[in-house]
Amino acid sequence: MNLARPVVAMLVAALLAGCAATPVSGGSLQGDAAHPVRAEGWVETRLYFGLGPADAVGQGVSEQGWQSFLDAEVTPRFPDGLSVIDAYGQWQGKGQATPERLRSKMLVVDYPDTAANQAKVEAIRAAWKRRTGDTSVLRVTQPAEVSF
């Protein structure tokens, strides 16, 4: 009988169980109110911005135009940090035969869930719609366990 297999399986199971039970550890930043070691009452918001047709790079918002928007509208509202991810998106409106395929940016921001911060997110969405004429900016907000 080969005992190596059951022993390896038990070790892997024990290691995985230890990982699942381990809480998020405290962060390494100290004394920075914007980046607490452990925070409660935070949320993560993802905003999806369509830049233009995926197959027509010259149409829509350029990288420079996106950067200008980020610098003018987003960074002043959330200067403590954010992430931008290049994305491909598509959606199909009512009555459309085929979906629109878009070059997109996904903005990810983690912040304390306050009315002031929620208003900042809505101001970013409104600014994009004014700037581009888009009718919507998809928003997904979820509770977040945050540690820096």
Protein backbone atom coordinates (compact mmCIF):
# COMPACT_ATOMS: atom_id res chain seq x y z
CA MET A 1 0.00 0.00 0.00
CA ASN A 2 1.36 3.41 -0.97
CA LEU A 3 1.15 5.69 2.11
CA ALA A 4 2.65 8.73 0.40
CA ARG A 5 -0.61 9.66 -1.37
CA PRO A 6 -2.82 9.87 1.75
CA VAL A 7 -0.10 11.74 3.67
CA VAL A 8 0.31 14.32 0.89
CA ALA A 9 -3.47 14.70 0.63
CA MET A 10 -3.75 15.28 4.39
CA LEU A 11 -0.94 17.88 4.31
CA VAL A 12 -2.58 19.76 1.44
CA ALA A 13 -5.95 19.68 3.19
CA ALA A 14 -4.38 20.98 6.41
CA LEU A 15 -2.61 23.80 4.59
CA LEU A 16 -5.78 24.83 2.75
CA ALA A 17 -7.80 24.75 5.96
CA GLY A 18 -5.22 27.02 7.61
CA CYS A 19 -5.47 29.51 4.75
CA ALA A 20 -9.26 29.63 4.92
CA ALA A 21 -9.27 30.24 8.66
CA THR A 22 -6.58 32.94 8.63
CA PRO A 23 -8.09 36.43 9.04
CA VAL A 24 -6.85 39.38 7.02
CA SER A 25 -3.71 40.55 8.77
CA GLY A 26 -3.03 44.10 9.81
CA GLY A 27 -1.29 46.27 7.28
CA SER A 28 2.12 47.82 7.52
CA LEU A 29 1.26 51.53 7.25
CA GLN A 30 1.21 53.34 10.56
CA GLY A 31 -0.20 56.76 11.38
CA ASP A 32 -1.76 57.38 7.95
CA ALA A 33 -5.45 58.18 8.45
CA ALA A 34 -6.19 57.71 4.73
CA HIS A 35 -4.72 54.19 4.80
CA PRO A 36 -5.67 52.62 8.14
CA VAL A 37 -4.22 49.31 9.26
CA ARG A 38 -7.75 47.90 9.35
CA ALA A 39 -10.93 49.69 8.36
CA GLU A 40 -14.61 48.98 8.81
CA GLY A 41 -17.49 50.56 6.97
CA TRP A 42 -15.66 50.77 3.64
CA VAL A 43 -16.99 49.95 0.19
CA GLU A 44 -15.46 49.26 -3.19
CA THR A 45 -16.95 50.91 -6.24
CA ARG A 46 -16.23 49.88 -9.80
CA LEU A 47 -17.21 52.31 -12.55
CA TYR A 48 -17.20 51.23 -16.20
CA PHE A 49 -16.48 53.91 -18.81
CA GLY A 50 -16.96 53.25 -22.52
CA LEU A 51 -14.25 55.02 -24.53
CA GLY A 52 -15.45 54.19 -28.02
CA PRO A 53 -15.92 51.39 -30.54
CA ALA A 54 -13.52 48.48 -30.03
CA ASP A 55 -12.86 48.23 -33.76
CA ALA A 56 -12.34 51.98 -34.34
CA VAL A 57 -9.55 53.19 -32.07
CA GLY A 58 -9.59 56.65 -33.67
CA GLN A 59 -13.20 57.24 -32.59
CA GLY A 60 -14.36 58.14 -29.11
CA VAL A 61 -12.14 59.13 -26.21
CA SER A 62 -8.37 58.80 -26.65
CA GLU A 63 -5.92 57.71 -23.94
CA GLN A 64 -4.96 61.37 -23.56
CA GLY A 65 -8.64 62.31 -23.19
CA TRP A 66 -9.12 59.61 -20.55
CA GLN A 67 -6.02 60.78 -18.65
CA SER A 68 -7.30 64.36 -18.76
CA PHE A 69 -10.64 63.24 -17.31
CA LEU A 70 -8.91 61.17 -14.63
CA ASP A 71 -6.69 64.12 -13.64
CA ALA A 72 -9.50 66.70 -13.63
CA GLU A 73 -12.49 64.76 -12.26
CA VAL A 74 -11.38 61.61 -10.45
CA THR A 75 -8.03 62.19 -8.76
CA PRO A 76 -9.10 65.41 -6.96
CA ARG A 77 -12.07 63.52 -5.48
CA PHE A 78 -10.10 60.40 -4.48
CA PRO A 79 -6.45 61.51 -4.12
CA ASP A 80 -5.58 58.71 -1.67
CA GLY A 81 -5.59 56.03 -4.35
CA LEU A 82 -7.51 54.24 -7.06
CA SER A 83 -6.97 51.72 -9.83
CA VAL A 84 -7.73 51.88 -13.54
CA ILE A 85 -7.98 48.70 -15.57
CA ASP A 86 -8.19 48.50 -19.35
CA ALA A 87 -11.26 46.52 -20.30
CA TYR A 88 -13.33 45.37 -23.22
CA GLY A 89 -17.04 45.81 -22.77
CA GLN A 90 -20.20 45.24 -24.67
CA TRP A 91 -23.88 45.89 -24.26
CA GLN A 92 -26.92 45.52 -26.42
CA GLY A 93 -29.62 48.13 -26.22
CA LYS A 94 -33.30 47.43 -26.62
CA GLY A 95 -34.06 46.98 -30.28
CA GLN A 96 -30.42 46.58 -31.33
CA ALA A 97 -29.65 43.57 -33.50
CA THR A 98 -26.03 43.27 -32.35
CA PRO A 99 -24.15 44.39 -29.25
CA GLU A 100 -21.94 47.47 -29.17
CA ARG A 101 -18.37 46.43 -28.45
CA LEU A 102 -16.37 49.07 -26.62
CA ARG A 103 -12.88 49.94 -25.54
CA SER A 104 -13.43 50.57 -21.85
CA LYS A 105 -11.83 51.59 -18.58
CA MET A 106 -12.80 50.17 -15.22
CA LEU A 107 -12.14 52.51 -12.30
CA VAL A 108 -11.85 50.85 -8.88
CA VAL A 109 -12.02 52.97 -5.73
CA ASP A 110 -12.14 51.81 -2.09
CA TYR A 111 -13.34 54.38 0.45
CA PRO A 112 -15.24 54.91 3.69
CA ASP A 113 -18.97 54.58 2.97
CA THR A 114 -20.12 58.14 3.64
CA ALA A 115 -22.66 60.38 1.95
CA ALA A 116 -19.84 62.72 0.90
CA ASN A 117 -17.91 59.91 -0.82
CA GLN A 118 -21.07 58.58 -2.50
CA ALA A 119 -21.67 62.10 -3.84
CA LYS A 120 -18.11 62.17 -5.22
CA VAL A 121 -18.76 58.94 -7.13
CA GLU A 122 -21.98 60.34 -8.56
CA ALA A 123 -20.19 63.57 -9.55
CA ILE A 124 -17.62 61.52 -11.49
CA ARG A 125 -20.39 59.68 -13.34
CA ALA A 126 -22.18 62.95 -14.15
CA ALA A 127 -18.95 64.57 -15.37
CA TRP A 128 -18.28 61.68 -17.76
CA LYS A 129 -21.79 61.82 -19.17
CA ARG A 130 -21.48 65.59 -19.70
CA ARG A 131 -18.09 65.23 -21.34
CA THR A 132 -18.94 62.33 -23.66
CA GLY A 133 -22.70 62.45 -24.14
CA ASP A 134 -22.96 58.87 -22.85
CA THR A 135 -26.28 58.03 -21.24
CA SER A 136 -24.82 55.91 -18.44
CA VAL A 137 -21.75 54.82 -16.49
CA LEU A 138 -22.20 51.40 -14.90
CA ARG A 139 -21.60 51.47 -11.14
CA VAL A 140 -21.10 48.44 -8.90
CA THR A 141 -20.62 49.10 -5.17
CA GLN A 142 -20.01 46.37 -2.59
CA PRO A 143 -18.88 46.23 1.04
CA ALA A 144 -15.10 45.85 1.34
CA GLU A 145 -12.84 44.56 4.07
CA VAL A 146 -9.85 46.85 3.85
CA SER A 147 -6.35 46.55 5.27
CA PHE A 148 -3.28 48.50 4.18
